[in-house]
Every structure is written in C-alpha cells, then in structure tokens.
C-alpha cells in the first residue's frame, strides 16, 4: 500500500549517505487519497512525512538533519502543511517533531498524528 504510485507529482524526499556513499537514511513526503493512505493521513491536500534510518546510525542527529532538509525543500516548493504519525511510545521522535514545529492534531492510545504549518 505505501509504494502505490510512488514518484507521482508532488512526492519528494531526501537521502543521507555515509562517507562511503551507502544510503543510511531517508525522509520523504507523499500525498495520499482517502482510499490509499498511511497512518498520518489527514486529508488529500496534506502530504504525509515518513522517515527511515539504518539501525547503526540512529541517535546521531541524522534524522533531524533529514527532516530539516525535507521541511526546507517542502517550504521552497510552497507546501503547507505536512503531517506525520508517531507512536505514543516513541518519546524521542515526538520530542524531535515538536522541536521542529509539529503539533498534535489527533491522538489514540497507539499513536499521534501531527501537523506542521510551514
């Protein structure tokens, strides 16, 4: 479901590379439909952010750098707002998202949906 129509207009992302050129992380945003979407879906006009890091490079600030670059790219593209989902148990990620300007718009016992207005 998440790879459905990847690369359509409006989708974008950034990739972090190690010194040897190996990809070690990525952050991206995509727009989804009400029928096909991910966990942080708010509506069809709001792109949703996702991020992934290789296990060996977590907690080194790379995720924050990726998100900062992605948000700058989205801002330059004229996008506002963006959304994402974060698990309730992931306090570190929640702290980073809040620090970057995301705010909670929906909560459940399992996760929170957050939005940033760029």
PDB file of N, CA and C in Angstrom:
ATOM      1  N   UNK A   1       0.820  -1.192   0.000  1.00  0.00           N
ATOM      2  CA  UNK A   1       0.000   0.000   0.000  1.00  0.00           C
ATOM      3  C   UNK A   1       0.863   1.255   0.000  1.00  0.00           C
ATOM      4  N   UNK A   2       1.959   1.304   0.742  1.00  0.00           N
ATOM      5  CA  UNK A   2       2.751   2.513   0.847  1.00  0.00           C
ATOM      6  C   UNK A   2       3.511   2.844  -0.437  1.00  0.00           C
ATOM      7  N   UNK A   3       3.776   1.867  -1.288  1.00  0.00           N
ATOM      8  CA  UNK A   3       4.516   2.113  -2.525  1.00  0.00           C
ATOM      9  C   UNK A   3       3.600   2.418  -3.692  1.00  0.00           C
ATOM     10  N   UNK A   4       2.321   2.454  -3.464  1.00  0.00           N
ATOM     11  CA  UNK A   4       1.347   2.714  -4.516  1.00  0.00           C
ATOM     12  C   UNK A   4       1.644   4.049  -5.201  1.00  0.00           C
ATOM     13  N   UNK A   5       1.917   3.991  -6.495  1.00  0.00           N
ATOM     14  CA  UNK A   5       2.119   5.185  -7.326  1.00  0.00           C
ATOM     15  C   UNK A   5       3.246   6.078  -6.823  1.00  0.00           C
ATOM     16  N   UNK A   6       4.322   5.465  -6.356  1.00  0.00           N
ATOM     17  CA  UNK A   6       5.458   6.271  -5.880  1.00  0.00           C
ATOM     18  C   UNK A   6       6.027   7.094  -7.023  1.00  0.00           C
ATOM     19  N   UNK A   7       6.393   8.303  -6.713  1.00  0.00           N
ATOM     20  CA  UNK A   7       7.014   9.163  -7.689  1.00  0.00           C
ATOM     21  C   UNK A   7       6.028  10.016  -8.471  1.00  0.00           C
ATOM     22  N   UNK A   8       4.803  10.076  -8.005  1.00  0.00           N
ATOM     23  CA  UNK A   8       3.828  10.923  -8.702  1.00  0.00           C
ATOM     24  C   UNK A   8       4.137  12.392  -8.402  1.00  0.00           C
ATOM     25  N   UNK A   9       3.642  13.311  -9.220  1.00  0.00           N
ATOM     26  CA  UNK A   9       3.907  14.729  -8.967  1.00  0.00           C
ATOM     27  C   UNK A   9       3.545  15.107  -7.533  1.00  0.00           C
ATOM     28  N   UNK A  10       4.436  15.848  -6.899  1.00  0.00           N
ATOM     29  CA  UNK A  10       4.222  16.270  -5.524  1.00  0.00           C
ATOM     30  C   UNK A  10       4.952  15.428  -4.499  1.00  0.00           C
ATOM     31  N   UNK A  11       5.364  14.203  -4.862  1.00  0.00           N
ATOM     32  CA  UNK A  11       6.161  13.368  -3.959  1.00  0.00           C
ATOM     33  C   UNK A  11       7.607  13.847  -4.000  1.00  0.00           C
ATOM     34  N   UNK A  12       8.270  13.852  -2.854  1.00  0.00           N
ATOM     35  CA  UNK A  12       9.667  14.263  -2.833  1.00  0.00           C
ATOM     36  C   UNK A  12      10.349  13.695  -1.605  1.00  0.00           C
ATOM     37  N   UNK A  13      11.678  13.664  -1.628  1.00  0.00           N
ATOM     38  CA  UNK A  13      12.407  13.152  -0.483  1.00  0.00           C
ATOM     39  C   UNK A  13      13.874  13.515  -0.529  1.00  0.00           C
ATOM     40  N   UNK A  14      14.544  13.198   0.570  1.00  0.00           N
ATOM     41  CA  UNK A  14      15.983  13.405   0.711  1.00  0.00           C
ATOM     42  C   UNK A  14      16.598  12.124   1.258  1.00  0.00           C
ATOM     43  N   UNK A  15      17.867  11.891   0.903  1.00  0.00           N
ATOM     44  CA  UNK A  15      18.577  10.684   1.324  1.00  0.00           C
ATOM     45  C   UNK A  15      19.886  11.092   1.979  1.00  0.00           C
ATOM     46  N   UNK A  16      20.226  10.433   3.086  1.00  0.00           N
ATOM     47  CA  UNK A  16      21.509  10.632   3.750  1.00  0.00           C
ATOM     48  C   UNK A  16      22.445   9.507   3.329  1.00  0.00           C
ATOM     49  N   UNK A  17      23.670   9.880   2.990  1.00  0.00           N
ATOM     50  CA  UNK A  17      24.670   8.908   2.577  1.00  0.00           C
ATOM     51  C   UNK A  17      25.829   8.897   3.557  1.00  0.00           C
ATOM     52  N   UNK A  18      26.371   7.710   3.820  1.00  0.00           N
ATOM     53  CA  UNK A  18      27.579   7.577   4.625  1.00  0.00           C
ATOM     54  C   UNK A  18      28.772   8.062   3.798  1.00  0.00           C
ATOM     55  N   UNK A  19      29.921   8.186   4.431  1.00  0.00           N
ATOM     56  CA  UNK A  19      31.131   8.632   3.734  1.00  0.00           C
ATOM     57  C   UNK A  19      31.456   7.746   2.535  1.00  0.00           C
ATOM     58  N   UNK A  20      31.100   6.468   2.616  1.00  0.00           N
ATOM     59  CA  UNK A  20      31.390   5.545   1.513  1.00  0.00           C
ATOM     60  C   UNK A  20      30.297   5.542   0.440  1.00  0.00           C
ATOM     61  N   UNK A  21      29.311   6.421   0.569  1.00  0.00           N
ATOM     62  CA  UNK A  21      28.252   6.526  -0.424  1.00  0.00           C
ATOM     63  C   UNK A  21      27.051   5.631  -0.181  1.00  0.00           C
ATOM     64  N   UNK A  22      27.091   4.811   0.863  1.00  0.00           N
ATOM     65  CA  UNK A  22      25.960   3.940   1.190  1.00  0.00           C
ATOM     66  C   UNK A  22      24.810   4.754   1.772  1.00  0.00           C
ATOM     67  N   UNK A  23      23.586   4.521   1.318  1.00  0.00           N
ATOM     68  CA  UNK A  23      22.442   5.201   1.927  1.00  0.00           C
ATOM     69  C   UNK A  23      22.253   4.728   3.368  1.00  0.00           C
ATOM     70  N   UNK A  24      22.066   5.676   4.271  1.00  0.00           N
ATOM     71  CA  UNK A  24      21.873   5.336   5.681  1.00  0.00           C
ATOM     72  C   UNK A  24      20.548   5.866   6.234  1.00  0.00           C
ATOM     73  N   UNK A  25      19.830   6.629   5.430  1.00  0.00           N
ATOM     74  CA  UNK A  25      18.548   7.139   5.883  1.00  0.00           C
ATOM     75  C   UNK A  25      17.869   7.929   4.788  1.00  0.00           C
ATOM     76  N   UNK A  26      16.578   8.098   4.957  1.00  0.00           N
ATOM     77  CA  UNK A  26      15.806   8.888   4.005  1.00  0.00           C
ATOM     78  C   UNK A  26      14.586   9.471   4.706  1.00  0.00           C
ATOM     79  N   UNK A  27      14.143  10.601   4.207  1.00  0.00           N
ATOM     80  CA  UNK A  27      12.891  11.223   4.651  1.00  0.00           C
ATOM     81  C   UNK A  27      12.169  11.677   3.391  1.00  0.00           C
ATOM     82  N   UNK A  28      10.869  11.529   3.389  1.00  0.00           N
ATOM     83  CA  UNK A  28      10.107  11.869   2.189  1.00  0.00           C
ATOM     84  C   UNK A  28       8.707  12.300   2.570  1.00  0.00           C
ATOM     85  N   UNK A  29       8.050  12.957   1.627  1.00  0.00           N
ATOM     86  CA  UNK A  29       6.630  13.254   1.790  1.00  0.00           C
ATOM     87  C   UNK A  29       5.912  12.837   0.526  1.00  0.00           C
ATOM     88  N   UNK A  30       4.669  12.425   0.735  1.00  0.00           N
ATOM     89  CA  UNK A  30       3.809  11.969  -0.354  1.00  0.00           C
ATOM     90  C   UNK A  30       2.390  12.429  -0.085  1.00  0.00           C
ATOM     91  N   UNK A  31       1.635  12.575  -1.141  1.00  0.00           N
ATOM     92  CA  UNK A  31       0.203  12.799  -0.972  1.00  0.00           C
ATOM     93  C   UNK A  31      -0.511  11.466  -1.174  1.00  0.00           C
ATOM     94  N   UNK A  32      -1.575  11.276  -0.446  1.00  0.00           N
ATOM     95  CA  UNK A  32      -2.346  10.046  -0.498  1.00  0.00           C
ATOM     96  C   UNK A  32      -3.808  10.371  -0.770  1.00  0.00           C
ATOM     97  N   UNK A  33      -4.573   9.343  -1.049  1.00  0.00           N
ATOM     98  CA  UNK A  33      -6.014   9.503  -1.209  1.00  0.00           C
ATOM     99  C   UNK A  33      -6.708   8.936   0.020  1.00  0.00           C
ATOM    100  N   UNK A  34      -7.976   9.245   0.160  1.00  0.00           N
ATOM    101  CA  UNK A  34      -8.746   8.718   1.288  1.00  0.00           C
ATOM    102  C   UNK A  34      -8.816   7.194   1.243  1.00  0.00           C
ATOM    103  N   UNK A  35      -8.717   6.610   0.057  1.00  0.00           N
ATOM    104  CA  UNK A  35      -8.772   5.149  -0.081  1.00  0.00           C
ATOM    105  C   UNK A  35      -7.430   4.469   0.115  1.00  0.00           C
ATOM    106  N   UNK A  36      -6.334   5.165  -0.187  1.00  0.00           N
ATOM    107  CA  UNK A  36      -4.985   4.604  -0.073  1.00  0.00           C
ATOM    108  C   UNK A  36      -4.107   5.604   0.661  1.00  0.00           C
ATOM    109  N   UNK A  37      -3.854   5.324   1.935  1.00  0.00           N
ATOM    110  CA  UNK A  37      -3.057   6.261   2.715  1.00  0.00           C
ATOM    111  C   UNK A  37      -2.301   5.537   3.813  1.00  0.00           C
ATOM    112  N   UNK A  38      -1.414   6.277   4.465  1.00  0.00           N
ATOM    113  CA  UNK A  38      -0.622   5.750   5.577  1.00  0.00           C
ATOM    114  C   UNK A  38      -1.234   6.241   6.897  1.00  0.00           C
ATOM    115  N   UNK A  39      -0.520   6.035   7.997  1.00  0.00           N
ATOM    116  CA  UNK A  39      -1.069   6.291   9.334  1.00  0.00           C
ATOM    117  C   UNK A  39      -1.262   7.758   9.671  1.00  0.00           C
ATOM    118  N   UNK A  40      -0.459   8.641   9.087  1.00  0.00           N
ATOM    119  CA  UNK A  40      -0.548  10.061   9.413  1.00  0.00           C
ATOM    120  C   UNK A  40      -1.452  10.848   8.489  1.00  0.00           C
ATOM    121  N   UNK A  41      -2.332  10.163   7.779  1.00  0.00           N
ATOM    122  CA  UNK A  41      -3.212  10.817   6.817  1.00  0.00           C
ATOM    123  C   UNK A  41      -4.174  11.763   7.528  1.00  0.00           C
ATOM    124  N   UNK A  42      -4.259  12.977   6.990  1.00  0.00           N
ATOM    125  CA  UNK A  42      -5.225  13.966   7.482  1.00  0.00           C
ATOM    126  C   UNK A  42      -6.264  14.219   6.395  1.00  0.00           C
ATOM    127  N   UNK A  43      -5.796  14.606   5.225  1.00  0.00           N
ATOM    128  CA  UNK A  43      -6.681  14.722   4.067  1.00  0.00           C
ATOM    129  C   UNK A  43      -5.833  14.714   2.797  1.00  0.00           C
ATOM    130  N   UNK A  44      -6.486  14.669   1.664  1.00  0.00           N
ATOM    131  CA  UNK A  44      -5.797  14.509   0.387  1.00  0.00           C
ATOM    132  C   UNK A  44      -4.940  15.700  -0.003  1.00  0.00           C
ATOM    133  N   UNK A  45      -5.124  16.834   0.626  1.00  0.00           N
ATOM    134  CA  UNK A  45      -4.342  18.023   0.284  1.00  0.00           C
ATOM    135  C   UNK A  45      -3.070  18.169   1.121  1.00  0.00           C
ATOM    136  N   UNK A  46      -2.895  17.315   2.132  1.00  0.00           N
ATOM    137  CA  UNK A  46      -1.756  17.444   3.038  1.00  0.00           C
ATOM    138  C   UNK A  46      -0.795  16.276   2.829  1.00  0.00           C
ATOM    139  N   UNK A  47       0.412  16.546   2.306  1.00  0.00           N
ATOM    140  CA  UNK A  47       1.396  15.468   2.158  1.00  0.00           C
ATOM    141  C   UNK A  47       1.788  14.903   3.522  1.00  0.00           C
ATOM    142  N   UNK A  48       2.082  13.614   3.519  1.00  0.00           N
ATOM    143  CA  UNK A  48       2.469  12.927   4.751  1.00  0.00           C
ATOM    144  C   UNK A  48       3.961  12.596   4.733  1.00  0.00           C
ATOM    145  N   UNK A  49       4.620  12.870   5.842  1.00  0.00           N
ATOM    146  CA  UNK A  49       6.055  12.659   6.000  1.00  0.00           C
ATOM    147  C   UNK A  49       6.324  11.269   6.562  1.00  0.00           C
ATOM    148  N   UNK A  50       7.380  10.645   6.048  1.00  0.00           N
ATOM    149  CA  UNK A  50       7.903   9.394   6.599  1.00  0.00           C
ATOM    150  C   UNK A  50       9.414   9.521   6.672  1.00  0.00           C
ATOM    151  N   UNK A  51      10.011   8.748   7.559  1.00  0.00           N
ATOM    152  CA  UNK A  51      11.462   8.769   7.709  1.00  0.00           C
ATOM    153  C   UNK A  51      11.930   7.373   8.080  1.00  0.00           C
ATOM    154  N   UNK A  52      13.107   7.023   7.610  1.00  0.00           N
ATOM    155  CA  UNK A  52      13.708   5.748   7.967  1.00  0.00           C
ATOM    156  C   UNK A  52      15.212   5.902   8.080  1.00  0.00           C
ATOM    157  N   UNK A  53      15.785   5.256   9.109  1.00  0.00           N
ATOM    158  CA  UNK A  53      17.230   5.284   9.327  1.00  0.00           C
ATOM    159  C   UNK A  53      17.744   3.872   9.531  1.00  0.00           C
ATOM    160  N   UNK A  54      18.951   3.621   9.049  1.00  0.00           N
ATOM    161  CA  UNK A  54      19.604   2.342   9.319  1.00  0.00           C
ATOM    162  C   UNK A  54      19.849   2.233  10.823  1.00  0.00           C
ATOM    163  N   UNK A  55      19.742   1.032  11.358  1.00  0.00           N
ATOM    164  CA  UNK A  55      19.876   0.834  12.810  1.00  0.00           C
ATOM    165  C   UNK A  55      21.183   1.381  13.379  1.00  0.00           C
ATOM    166  N   UNK A  56      22.255   1.223  12.710  1.00  0.00           N
ATOM    167  CA  UNK A  56      23.552   1.633  13.243  1.00  0.00           C
ATOM    168  C   UNK A  56      23.795   3.119  13.285  1.00  0.00           C
ATOM    169  N   UNK A  57      22.885   3.915  12.736  1.00  0.00           N
ATOM    170  CA  UNK A  57      23.107   5.366  12.700  1.00  0.00           C
ATOM    171  C   UNK A  57      22.050   6.149  13.464  1.00  0.00           C
ATOM    172  N   UNK A  58      21.221   5.464  14.201  1.00  0.00           N
ATOM    173  CA  UNK A  58      20.189   6.156  14.977  1.00  0.00           C
ATOM    174  C   UNK A  58      20.810   6.890  16.152  1.00  0.00           C
ATOM    175  N   UNK A  59      20.120   7.918  16.613  1.00  0.00           N
ATOM    176  CA  UNK A  59      20.521   8.739  17.759  1.00  0.00           C
ATOM    177  C   UNK A  59      21.846   9.463  17.531  1.00  0.00           C
ATOM    178  N   UNK A  60      22.081   9.862  16.267  1.00  0.00           N
ATOM    179  CA  UNK A  60      23.276  10.635  15.928  1.00  0.00           C
ATOM    180  C   UNK A  60      22.917  11.981  15.294  1.00  0.00           C
ATOM    181  N   UNK A  61      21.634  12.316  15.280  1.00  0.00           N
ATOM    182  CA  UNK A  61      21.181  13.580  14.710  1.00  0.00           C
ATOM    183  C   UNK A  61      20.880  13.533  13.218  1.00  0.00           C
ATOM    184  N   UNK A  62      21.075  12.368  12.603  1.00  0.00           N
ATOM    185  CA  UNK A  62      20.851  12.257  11.159  1.00  0.00           C
ATOM    186  C   UNK A  62      19.375  12.425  10.817  1.00  0.00           C
ATOM    187  N   UNK A  63      18.505  11.871  11.635  1.00  0.00           N
ATOM    188  CA  UNK A  63      17.071  12.019  11.397  1.00  0.00           C
ATOM    189  C   UNK A  63      16.641  13.478  11.443  1.00  0.00           C
ATOM    190  N   UNK A  64      17.154  14.215  12.396  1.00  0.00           N
ATOM    191  CA  UNK A  64      16.833  15.641  12.494  1.00  0.00           C
ATOM    192  C   UNK A  64      17.343  16.394  11.271  1.00  0.00           C
ATOM    193  N   UNK A  65      18.561  16.061  10.827  1.00  0.00           N
ATOM    194  CA  UNK A  65      19.108  16.702   9.628  1.00  0.00           C
ATOM    195  C   UNK A  65      18.251  16.394   8.396  1.00  0.00           C
ATOM    196  N   UNK A  66      17.834  15.133   8.260  1.00  0.00           N
ATOM    197  CA  UNK A  66      16.983  14.753   7.133  1.00  0.00           C
ATOM    198  C   UNK A  66      15.659  15.514   7.159  1.00  0.00           C
ATOM    199  N   UNK A  67      15.031  15.553   8.324  1.00  0.00           N
ATOM    200  CA  UNK A  67      13.745  16.248   8.438  1.00  0.00           C
ATOM    201  C   UNK A  67      13.891  17.744   8.192  1.00  0.00           C
ATOM    202  N   UNK A  68      14.953  18.336   8.692  1.00  0.00           N
ATOM    203  CA  UNK A  68      15.193  19.762   8.468  1.00  0.00           C
ATOM    204  C   UNK A  68      15.342  20.046   6.981  1.00  0.00           C
ATOM    205  N   UNK A  69      16.109  19.210   6.284  1.00  0.00           N
ATOM    206  CA  UNK A  69      16.276  19.380   4.839  1.00  0.00           C
ATOM    207  C   UNK A  69      14.961  19.166   4.102  1.00  0.00           C
ATOM    208  N   UNK A  70      14.205  18.156   4.510  1.00  0.00           N
ATOM    209  CA  UNK A  70      12.927  17.880   3.861  1.00  0.00           C
ATOM    210  C   UNK A  70      11.946  19.026   4.067  1.00  0.00           C
ATOM    211  N   UNK A  71      11.877  19.565   5.271  1.00  0.00           N
ATOM    212  CA  UNK A  71      10.971  20.679   5.549  1.00  0.00           C
ATOM    213  C   UNK A  71      11.371  21.916   4.752  1.00  0.00           C
ATOM    214  N   UNK A  72      12.675  22.163   4.624  1.00  0.00           N
ATOM    215  CA  UNK A  72      13.135  23.295   3.817  1.00  0.00           C
ATOM    216  C   UNK A  72      12.742  23.103   2.357  1.00  0.00           C
ATOM    217  N   UNK A  73      12.890  21.889   1.869  1.00  0.00           N
ATOM    218  CA  UNK A  73      12.501  21.584   0.483  1.00  0.00           C
ATOM    219  C   UNK A  73      10.993  21.805   0.286  1.00  0.00           C
ATOM    220  N   UNK A  74      10.201  21.324   1.232  1.00  0.00           N
ATOM    221  CA  UNK A  74       8.749  21.485   1.145  1.00  0.00           C
ATOM    222  C   UNK A  74       8.368  22.965   1.190  1.00  0.00           C
ATOM    223  N   UNK A  75       9.037  23.705   2.055  1.00  0.00           N
ATOM    224  CA  UNK A  75       8.782  25.147   2.169  1.00  0.00           C
ATOM    225  C   UNK A  75       9.095  25.835   0.832  1.00  0.00           C
ATOM    226  N   UNK A  76      10.240  25.482   0.233  1.00  0.00           N
ATOM    227  CA  UNK A  76      10.633  26.057  -1.055  1.00  0.00           C
ATOM    228  C   UNK A  76       9.649  25.689  -2.161  1.00  0.00           C
ATOM    229  N   UNK A  77       9.022  24.508  -2.032  1.00  0.00           N
ATOM    230  CA  UNK A  77       8.040  24.058  -3.018  1.00  0.00           C
ATOM    231  C   UNK A  77       6.668  24.676  -2.779  1.00  0.00           C
ATOM    232  N   UNK A  78       6.543  25.472  -1.707  1.00  0.00           N
ATOM    233  CA  UNK A  78       5.281  26.138  -1.413  1.00  0.00           C
ATOM    234  C   UNK A  78       4.264  25.271  -0.693  1.00  0.00           C
ATOM    235  N   UNK A  79       4.726  24.178  -0.094  1.00  0.00           N
ATOM    236  CA  UNK A  79       3.799  23.292   0.606  1.00  0.00           C
ATOM    237  C   UNK A  79       3.550  23.754   2.031  1.00  0.00           C
ATOM    238  N   UNK A  80       2.338  23.637   2.460  1.00  0.00           N
ATOM    239  CA  UNK A  80       1.960  23.816   3.858  1.00  0.00           C
ATOM    240  C   UNK A  80       0.533  23.313   3.999  1.00  0.00           C
ATOM    241  N   UNK A  81       0.209  22.559   4.948  1.00  0.00           N
ATOM    242  CA  UNK A  81       1.056  21.927   5.960  1.00  0.00           C
ATOM    243  C   UNK A  81       1.530  20.548   5.510  1.00  0.00           C
ATOM    244  N   UNK A  82       2.252  19.868   6.404  1.00  0.00           N
ATOM    245  CA  UNK A  82       2.644  18.466   6.246  1.00  0.00           C
ATOM    246  C   UNK A  82       2.181  17.725   7.496  1.00  0.00           C
ATOM    247  N   UNK A  83       1.957  16.412   7.362  1.00  0.00           N
ATOM    248  CA  UNK A  83       1.534  15.614   8.516  1.00  0.00           C
ATOM    249  C   UNK A  83       2.453  14.419   8.683  1.00  0.00           C
ATOM    250  N   UNK A  84       2.347  13.775   9.833  1.00  0.00           N
ATOM    251  CA  UNK A  84       3.043  12.520  10.100  1.00  0.00           C
ATOM    252  C   UNK A  84       2.362  11.820  11.263  1.00  0.00           C
ATOM    253  N   UNK A  85       2.713  10.564  11.452  1.00  0.00           N
ATOM    254  CA  UNK A  85       2.230   9.798  12.603  1.00  0.00           C
ATOM    255  C   UNK A  85       3.441   9.347  13.407  1.00  0.00           C
ATOM    256  N   UNK A  86       3.281   9.328  14.720  1.00  0.00           N
ATOM    257  CA  UNK A  86       4.341   8.866  15.610  1.00  0.00           C
ATOM    258  C   UNK A  86       3.700   8.008  16.704  1.00  0.00           C
ATOM    259  N   UNK A  87       4.348   6.893  17.012  1.00  0.00           N
ATOM    260  CA  UNK A  87       3.839   6.023  18.069  1.00  0.00           C
ATOM    261  C   UNK A  87       3.940   6.727  19.413  1.00  0.00           C
ATOM    262  N   UNK A  88       2.955   6.507  20.269  1.00  0.00           N
ATOM    263  CA  UNK A  88       2.957   7.108  21.608  1.00  0.00           C
ATOM    264  C   UNK A  88       4.233   6.766  22.369  1.00  0.00           C
ATOM    265  N   UNK A  89       4.730   5.546  22.184  1.00  0.00           N
ATOM    266  CA  UNK A  89       5.904   5.085  22.934  1.00  0.00           C
ATOM    267  C   UNK A  89       7.215   5.684  22.442  1.00  0.00           C
ATOM    268  N   UNK A  90       7.213   6.362  21.308  1.00  0.00           N
ATOM    269  CA  UNK A  90       8.445   6.889  20.729  1.00  0.00           C
ATOM    270  C   UNK A  90       8.666   8.337  21.186  1.00  0.00           C
ATOM    271  N   UNK A  91       9.051   8.484  22.448  1.00  0.00           N
ATOM    272  CA  UNK A  91       9.219   9.810  23.040  1.00  0.00           C
ATOM    273  C   UNK A  91      10.315  10.611  22.347  1.00  0.00           C
ATOM    274  N   UNK A  92      11.375   9.950  21.933  1.00  0.00           N
ATOM    275  CA  UNK A  92      12.480  10.660  21.265  1.00  0.00           C
ATOM    276  C   UNK A  92      12.006  11.300  19.957  1.00  0.00           C
ATOM    277  N   UNK A  93      11.308  10.535  19.138  1.00  0.00           N
ATOM    278  CA  UNK A  93      10.805  11.078  17.871  1.00  0.00           C
ATOM    279  C   UNK A  93       9.797  12.195  18.134  1.00  0.00           C
ATOM    280  N   UNK A  94       8.917  11.984  19.093  1.00  0.00           N
ATOM    281  CA  UNK A  94       7.924  13.008  19.434  1.00  0.00           C
ATOM    282  C   UNK A  94       8.618  14.309  19.818  1.00  0.00           C
ATOM    283  N   UNK A  95       9.673  14.218  20.607  1.00  0.00           N
ATOM    284  CA  UNK A  95      10.425  15.406  21.021  1.00  0.00           C
ATOM    285  C   UNK A  95      11.019  16.129  19.802  1.00  0.00           C
ATOM    286  N   UNK A  96      11.603  15.364  18.880  1.00  0.00           N
ATOM    287  CA  UNK A  96      12.207  15.960  17.682  1.00  0.00           C
ATOM    288  C   UNK A  96      11.139  16.641  16.835  1.00  0.00           C
ATOM    289  N   UNK A  97      10.020  15.960  16.614  1.00  0.00           N
ATOM    290  CA  UNK A  97       8.956  16.543  15.799  1.00  0.00           C
ATOM    291  C   UNK A  97       8.428  17.828  16.427  1.00  0.00           C
ATOM    292  N   UNK A  98       8.232  17.820  17.733  1.00  0.00           N
ATOM    293  CA  UNK A  98       7.747  19.010  18.433  1.00  0.00           C
ATOM    294  C   UNK A  98       8.763  20.145  18.320  1.00  0.00           C
ATOM    295  N   UNK A  99      10.038  19.817  18.489  1.00  0.00           N
ATOM    296  CA  UNK A  99      11.098  20.816  18.378  1.00  0.00           C
ATOM    297  C   UNK A  99      11.136  21.453  16.986  1.00  0.00           C
ATOM    298  N   UNK A 100      10.823  20.668  15.960  1.00  0.00           N
ATOM    299  CA  UNK A 100      10.824  21.174  14.592  1.00  0.00           C
ATOM    300  C   UNK A 100       9.557  21.972  14.259  1.00  0.00           C
ATOM    301  N   UNK A 101       8.538  21.907  15.123  1.00  0.00           N
ATOM    302  CA  UNK A 101       7.339  22.703  14.917  1.00  0.00           C
ATOM    303  C   UNK A 101       6.064  21.925  14.664  1.00  0.00           C
ATOM    304  N   UNK A 102       6.118  20.594  14.706  1.00  0.00           N
ATOM    305  CA  UNK A 102       4.900  19.799  14.546  1.00  0.00           C
ATOM    306  C   UNK A 102       4.040  19.922  15.797  1.00  0.00           C
ATOM    307  N   UNK A 103       2.732  19.871  15.606  1.00  0.00           N
ATOM    308  CA  UNK A 103       1.795  19.889  16.736  1.00  0.00           C
ATOM    309  C   UNK A 103       0.808  18.737  16.576  1.00  0.00           C
ATOM    310  N   UNK A 104       0.312  18.251  17.689  1.00  0.00           N
ATOM    311  CA  UNK A 104      -0.615  17.115  17.687  1.00  0.00           C
ATOM    312  C   UNK A 104      -1.994  17.574  17.232  1.00  0.00           C
ATOM    313  N   UNK A 105      -2.572  16.823  16.286  1.00  0.00           N
ATOM    314  CA  UNK A 105      -3.937  17.114  15.843  1.00  0.00           C
ATOM    315  C   UNK A 105      -4.892  15.959  16.124  1.00  0.00           C
ATOM    316  N   UNK A 106      -4.344  14.777  16.407  1.00  0.00           N
ATOM    317  CA  UNK A 106      -5.187  13.613  16.711  1.00  0.00           C
ATOM    318  C   UNK A 106      -4.368  12.616  17.507  1.00  0.00           C
ATOM    319  N   UNK A 107      -4.969  12.046  18.547  1.00  0.00           N
ATOM    320  CA  UNK A 107      -4.287  11.051  19.380  1.00  0.00           C
ATOM    321  C   UNK A 107      -5.147   9.815  19.539  1.00  0.00           C
ATOM    322  N   UNK A 108      -4.467   8.695  19.669  1.00  0.00           N
ATOM    323  CA  UNK A 108      -5.109   7.431  20.019  1.00  0.00           C
ATOM    324  C   UNK A 108      -4.205   6.769  21.046  1.00  0.00           C
ATOM    325  N   UNK A 109      -4.638   5.686  21.652  1.00  0.00           N
ATOM    326  CA  UNK A 109      -3.750   5.003  22.600  1.00  0.00           C
ATOM    327  C   UNK A 109      -2.451   4.508  21.949  1.00  0.00           C
ATOM    328  N   UNK A 110      -2.479   4.286  20.641  1.00  0.00           N
ATOM    329  CA  UNK A 110      -1.313   3.747  19.931  1.00  0.00           C
ATOM    330  C   UNK A 110      -0.396   4.829  19.362  1.00  0.00           C
ATOM    331  N   UNK A 111      -0.973   5.894  18.782  1.00  0.00           N
ATOM    332  CA  UNK A 111      -0.144   6.876  18.103  1.00  0.00           C
ATOM    333  C   UNK A 111      -0.756   8.263  18.123  1.00  0.00           C
ATOM    334  N   UNK A 112       0.004   9.204  17.578  1.00  0.00           N
ATOM    335  CA  UNK A 112      -0.452  10.576  17.436  1.00  0.00           C
ATOM    336  C   UNK A 112      -0.225  11.005  15.992  1.00  0.00           C
ATOM    337  N   UNK A 113      -1.135  11.796  15.476  1.00  0.00           N
ATOM    338  CA  UNK A 113      -0.949  12.425  14.179  1.00  0.00           C
ATOM    339  C   UNK A 113      -0.583  13.884  14.458  1.00  0.00           C
ATOM    340  N   UNK A 114       0.477  14.328  13.791  1.00  0.00           N
ATOM    341  CA  UNK A 114       0.990  15.684  13.991  1.00  0.00           C
ATOM    342  C   UNK A 114       1.028  16.416  12.655  1.00  0.00           C
ATOM    343  N   UNK A 115       0.909  17.737  12.727  1.00  0.00           N
ATOM    344  CA  UNK A 115       0.962  18.603  11.545  1.00  0.00           C
ATOM    345  C   UNK A 115       1.958  19.719  11.812  1.00  0.00           C
ATOM    346  N   UNK A 116       2.625  20.132  10.741  1.00  0.00           N
ATOM    347  CA  UNK A 116       3.446  21.338  10.797  1.00  0.00           C
ATOM    348  C   UNK A 116       2.954  22.281   9.712  1.00  0.00           C
ATOM    349  N   UNK A 117       2.812  23.549  10.066  1.00  0.00           N
ATOM    350  CA  UNK A 117       2.477  24.594   9.108  1.00  0.00           C
ATOM    351  C   UNK A 117       3.789  25.279   8.729  1.00  0.00           C
ATOM    352  N   UNK A 118       4.162  25.167   7.481  1.00  0.00           N
ATOM    353  CA  UNK A 118       5.446  25.707   7.033  1.00  0.00           C
ATOM    354  C   UNK A 118       5.354  27.187   6.679  1.00  0.00           C
TER     355      UNK A 118
END
